Amino acid sequence: MPNSQCQKIIVPLDVADESTAIALVEKLEDVTFFKVGLELFTSCGPKILQALKSRQKRIFLDLKFHDIPNTVKGACRSAGRYGVDLLTIHATAGKEALKAATVGVKEGAAEAGVEPPLLIAITLLTSISSRQLAFDLKIPLELPEYALQMGLLAQESGLDGAVCSPQEVANLRDVCGNDFLLVCPGIRPSWADKGDQKRTFTPAQALQAGADYLVIGRPITAADEPALAWKKICQELTINN
């Protein structure tokens, strides 16, 4: 059984089909928490969730809903039936949609007789830089302030937490408190390539800053030996804890 620090790592199954996903899961038998995103879910639908649950894995269903309130509510009601652990919606959908989402997940879970997922808001994609926020999206706020405002909007709307860059996590933790779940993608061990992530921390730095969960993908899944990469990160977290 992985130690408590390792259980804070979520490994994304960013692959195109179920067989490739399951092959990766089987290589990473000690990993307890996996993320299913748009590509995989669009490819094979809920059966990938069933395959993970049959292996007693926890699931982060990262579909990043963003639509009008009624549509978001319906989508969250459907997702709430799956018995997953985490579900995402974009904070920029607005307060009415965020509130509708919280109702939808609870209704769906109640219909299916399962626990509702924790609903967490995307503050800002970690691939977006300060320059892109200002020049492409025309947002006048500084990036840390914008991420904080999106986190506060989620909290005020009744959501359970937020997804944020590790560079913003300390600020959100200070303002939103310890009961607000913070999930950080864009995590890169010191020995890994940053790829398209603009705002990164090491795993130990992110946890020390206040993250509850870390999403670590390519440093593990693209490694020649994914299980060894996973164990290397776990060892670093144990040493730095």
Protein backbone atom coordinates (compact mmCIF):
# COMPACT_ATOMS: atom_id res chain seq x y z
CA MET A 1 0.00 0.00 0.00
CA PRO A 2 1.45 3.42 -0.96
CA ASN A 3 2.23 5.83 1.87
CA SER A 4 -0.07 8.77 2.58
CA GLN A 5 2.00 11.19 0.49
CA CYS A 6 1.81 8.93 -2.56
CA GLN A 7 -1.97 8.73 -2.24
CA LYS A 8 -2.07 12.48 -2.89
CA ILE A 9 -0.83 11.89 -6.44
CA ILE A 10 -3.42 11.60 -9.22
CA VAL A 11 -2.15 10.07 -12.47
CA PRO A 12 -3.99 11.19 -15.62
CA LEU A 13 -4.94 8.61 -18.20
CA ASP A 14 -4.38 10.95 -21.14
CA VAL A 15 -4.61 8.23 -23.78
CA ALA A 16 -6.95 7.59 -26.69
CA ASP A 17 -8.63 4.27 -25.87
CA GLU A 18 -9.63 1.90 -23.09
CA SER A 19 -7.07 -0.82 -23.80
CA THR A 20 -4.17 1.64 -23.63
CA ALA A 21 -5.58 3.13 -20.43
CA ILE A 22 -5.98 -0.24 -18.73
CA ALA A 23 -2.48 -1.29 -19.80
CA LEU A 24 -1.14 1.83 -18.09
CA VAL A 25 -3.23 1.20 -14.96
CA GLU A 26 -1.86 -2.31 -14.74
CA LYS A 27 1.71 -1.02 -15.05
CA LEU A 28 0.96 1.37 -12.18
CA GLU A 29 -0.65 -1.12 -9.81
CA ASP A 30 0.34 0.87 -6.69
CA VAL A 31 -1.36 4.07 -7.90
CA THR A 32 -4.69 4.56 -6.14
CA PHE A 33 -6.09 7.63 -7.92
CA PHE A 34 -6.47 8.17 -11.69
CA LYS A 35 -7.81 11.05 -13.77
CA VAL A 36 -10.08 10.47 -16.75
CA GLY A 37 -10.22 13.48 -19.04
CA LEU A 38 -11.97 14.56 -22.21
CA GLU A 39 -10.02 12.46 -24.68
CA LEU A 40 -10.47 9.11 -22.95
CA PHE A 41 -14.05 9.70 -21.81
CA THR A 42 -15.09 10.85 -25.28
CA SER A 43 -13.43 7.75 -26.74
CA CYS A 44 -14.98 5.08 -24.56
CA GLY A 45 -17.53 6.66 -22.22
CA PRO A 46 -18.50 5.44 -18.75
CA LYS A 47 -17.12 1.93 -19.22
CA ILE A 48 -13.62 3.20 -18.43
CA LEU A 49 -14.98 4.36 -15.08
CA GLN A 50 -16.43 0.92 -14.45
CA ALA A 51 -13.09 -0.67 -15.31
CA LEU A 52 -11.30 1.55 -12.81
CA LYS A 53 -13.87 1.01 -10.07
CA SER A 54 -13.63 -2.76 -10.53
CA ARG A 55 -9.94 -2.37 -9.68
CA GLN A 56 -10.79 -0.34 -6.55
CA LYS A 57 -9.30 2.85 -7.97
CA ARG A 58 -10.39 6.36 -7.08
CA ILE A 59 -11.45 8.50 -10.03
CA PHE A 60 -11.06 12.17 -10.92
CA LEU A 61 -13.50 12.76 -13.80
CA ASP A 62 -12.02 15.87 -15.38
CA LEU A 63 -14.56 16.98 -17.99
CA LYS A 64 -14.38 20.72 -17.21
CA PHE A 65 -18.05 21.50 -17.84
CA HIS A 66 -18.74 24.99 -19.16
CA ASP A 67 -22.22 25.82 -20.41
CA ILE A 68 -25.47 27.53 -19.48
CA PRO A 69 -26.79 26.67 -15.99
CA ASN A 70 -29.52 24.24 -17.06
CA THR A 71 -27.18 22.26 -19.30
CA VAL A 72 -24.48 22.18 -16.63
CA LYS A 73 -26.99 20.95 -14.07
CA GLY A 74 -28.07 18.11 -16.36
CA ALA A 75 -24.51 17.11 -17.18
CA CYS A 76 -23.58 17.11 -13.50
CA ARG A 77 -26.67 15.06 -12.67
CA SER A 78 -25.54 12.43 -15.17
CA ALA A 79 -21.94 12.51 -13.91
CA GLY A 80 -23.15 12.31 -10.33
CA ARG A 81 -24.51 8.82 -11.03
CA TYR A 82 -21.07 7.40 -11.82
CA GLY A 83 -19.77 7.23 -8.26
CA VAL A 84 -16.54 9.07 -9.08
CA ASP A 85 -14.59 11.02 -6.46
CA LEU A 86 -13.89 14.36 -8.14
CA LEU A 87 -15.63 16.28 -10.95
CA THR A 88 -14.65 19.58 -12.61
CA ILE A 89 -16.46 22.64 -13.91
CA HIS A 90 -14.99 25.92 -15.16
CA ALA A 91 -15.43 28.73 -12.64
CA THR A 92 -15.99 31.07 -15.59
CA ALA A 93 -19.34 29.39 -16.22
CA GLY A 94 -20.53 31.82 -13.54
CA LYS A 95 -22.21 31.66 -10.15
CA GLU A 96 -25.63 30.51 -11.40
CA ALA A 97 -24.10 27.60 -13.32
CA LEU A 98 -21.83 26.67 -10.40
CA LYS A 99 -24.78 26.56 -8.03
CA ALA A 100 -26.79 24.52 -10.53
CA ALA A 101 -23.87 22.08 -10.79
CA THR A 102 -23.88 21.46 -7.04
CA VAL A 103 -27.58 20.62 -7.19
CA GLY A 104 -27.11 18.37 -10.22
CA VAL A 105 -24.35 16.18 -8.73
CA LYS A 106 -26.35 15.60 -5.57
CA GLU A 107 -29.50 14.69 -7.50
CA GLY A 108 -27.63 12.25 -9.75
CA ALA A 109 -25.81 10.60 -6.87
CA ALA A 110 -29.04 10.22 -4.89
CA GLU A 111 -30.75 8.60 -7.89
CA ALA A 112 -27.91 6.09 -8.22
CA GLY A 113 -27.49 5.50 -4.48
CA VAL A 114 -23.84 6.58 -4.47
CA GLU A 115 -21.83 9.32 -2.78
CA PRO A 116 -21.77 12.52 -4.82
CA PRO A 117 -18.39 13.55 -6.23
CA LEU A 118 -16.58 16.51 -4.78
CA LEU A 119 -17.21 19.32 -7.26
CA ILE A 120 -14.17 21.47 -7.97
CA ALA A 121 -13.77 24.54 -10.17
CA ILE A 122 -11.09 25.24 -12.75
CA THR A 123 -9.62 28.64 -11.86
CA LEU A 124 -7.35 28.99 -14.89
CA LEU A 125 -5.76 26.37 -17.13
CA THR A 126 -2.11 25.85 -16.19
CA SER A 127 -1.10 26.16 -19.85
CA ILE A 128 -2.06 29.86 -19.78
CA SER A 129 0.64 32.37 -18.90
CA SER A 130 0.29 35.86 -17.41
CA ARG A 131 0.93 37.33 -20.86
CA GLN A 132 -1.79 35.19 -22.46
CA LEU A 133 -4.23 36.13 -19.71
CA ALA A 134 -3.63 39.82 -20.39
CA PHE A 135 -3.17 39.93 -24.16
CA ASP A 136 -5.20 36.99 -25.48
CA LEU A 137 -8.04 36.86 -22.94
CA LYS A 138 -8.03 40.60 -22.16
CA ILE A 139 -8.30 39.99 -18.41
CA PRO A 140 -7.07 43.12 -16.57
CA LEU A 141 -6.24 41.34 -13.30
CA GLU A 142 -2.82 39.95 -12.48
CA LEU A 143 -2.81 36.16 -12.82
CA PRO A 144 -2.58 35.32 -9.07
CA GLU A 145 -5.45 37.71 -8.28
CA TYR A 146 -7.58 36.28 -11.10
CA ALA A 147 -7.04 32.70 -9.89
CA LEU A 148 -7.93 33.76 -6.34
CA GLN A 149 -11.13 35.47 -7.48
CA MET A 150 -12.19 32.36 -9.41
CA GLY A 151 -11.48 30.22 -6.34
CA LEU A 152 -13.53 32.54 -4.14
CA LEU A 153 -16.38 32.48 -6.66
CA ALA A 154 -16.37 28.67 -6.48
CA GLN A 155 -16.35 28.69 -2.70
CA GLU A 156 -19.16 31.25 -2.51
CA SER A 157 -21.19 29.12 -4.94
CA GLY A 158 -20.98 26.07 -2.67
CA LEU A 159 -18.32 24.05 -4.47
CA ASP A 160 -15.94 21.78 -2.58
CA GLY A 161 -12.70 23.11 -4.00
CA ALA A 162 -10.73 24.31 -6.97
CA VAL A 163 -8.05 23.35 -9.45
CA CYS A 164 -5.18 25.81 -9.51
CA SER A 165 -1.55 26.13 -10.43
CA PRO A 166 0.82 25.32 -7.56
CA GLN A 167 2.05 28.90 -7.82
CA GLU A 168 -1.37 30.13 -6.68
CA VAL A 169 -2.13 27.42 -4.13
CA ALA A 170 -0.65 29.13 -1.06
CA ASN A 171 -2.73 32.25 -1.65
CA LEU A 172 -5.93 30.25 -2.14
CA ARG A 173 -5.21 28.16 0.94
CA ASP A 174 -4.71 31.28 3.07
CA VAL A 175 -7.90 32.95 1.86
CA CYS A 176 -10.24 29.97 1.37
CA GLY A 177 -9.19 27.98 4.45
CA ASN A 178 -8.28 24.39 5.14
CA ASP A 179 -11.67 22.87 4.26
CA PHE A 180 -11.48 23.98 0.62
CA LEU A 181 -9.97 21.22 -1.52
CA LEU A 182 -7.10 22.32 -3.76
CA VAL A 183 -5.93 20.16 -6.66
CA CYS A 184 -2.78 21.14 -8.54
CA PRO A 185 -1.89 20.05 -12.07
CA GLY A 186 1.30 21.27 -13.71
CA ILE A 187 3.48 19.41 -11.22
CA ARG A 188 6.93 18.52 -12.48
CA PRO A 189 9.67 16.76 -10.51
CA SER A 190 13.00 18.58 -10.71
CA TRP A 191 14.29 15.96 -13.16
CA ALA A 192 11.31 16.19 -15.56
CA ASP A 193 10.67 18.30 -18.67
CA LYS A 194 8.07 21.06 -18.14
CA GLY A 195 6.35 20.43 -21.48
CA ASP A 196 3.51 22.92 -22.11
CA GLN A 197 3.00 23.71 -18.43
CA LYS A 198 3.87 27.35 -17.73
CA ARG A 199 3.40 27.53 -13.94
CA THR A 200 5.04 24.55 -12.27
CA PHE A 201 6.33 23.37 -8.85
CA THR A 202 7.95 20.17 -7.74
CA PRO A 203 5.65 17.73 -5.89
CA ALA A 204 7.17 18.55 -2.49
CA GLN A 205 6.93 22.30 -3.11
CA ALA A 206 3.24 22.03 -4.08
CA LEU A 207 2.29 20.02 -0.99
CA GLN A 208 4.22 22.37 1.26
CA ALA A 209 2.37 25.30 -0.31
CA GLY A 210 -1.00 23.78 0.62
CA ALA A 211 -2.12 21.44 -2.18
CA ASP A 212 -4.33 18.49 -1.23
CA TYR A 213 -3.77 16.52 -4.44
CA LEU A 214 -1.19 16.66 -7.22
CA VAL A 215 -1.89 15.72 -10.83
CA ILE A 216 1.33 14.30 -12.29
CA GLY A 217 1.13 13.01 -15.83
CA ARG A 218 3.95 12.84 -18.36
CA PRO A 219 6.83 12.48 -15.86
CA ILE A 220 5.17 9.16 -14.96
CA THR A 221 3.12 8.06 -17.97
CA ALA A 222 5.70 8.99 -20.62
CA ALA A 223 8.62 7.46 -18.71
CA ASP A 224 10.33 4.37 -20.11
CA GLU A 225 9.31 2.62 -16.89
CA PRO A 226 6.25 4.38 -15.42
CA ALA A 227 6.24 2.36 -12.19
CA LEU A 228 9.85 3.32 -11.46
CA ALA A 229 9.11 7.01 -12.14
CA TRP A 230 6.14 6.81 -9.75
CA LYS A 231 8.30 5.23 -7.05
CA LYS A 232 10.99 7.88 -7.56
CA ILE A 233 8.45 10.65 -6.96
CA CYS A 234 7.09 8.83 -3.90
CA GLN A 235 10.59 8.53 -2.48
CA GLU A 236 11.21 12.24 -3.00
CA LEU A 237 7.96 13.11 -1.22
CA THR A 238 8.81 10.82 1.70
CA ILE A 239 12.27 12.39 2.06
CA ASN A 240 10.92 15.94 1.80
CA ASN A 241 7.89 15.44 4.03
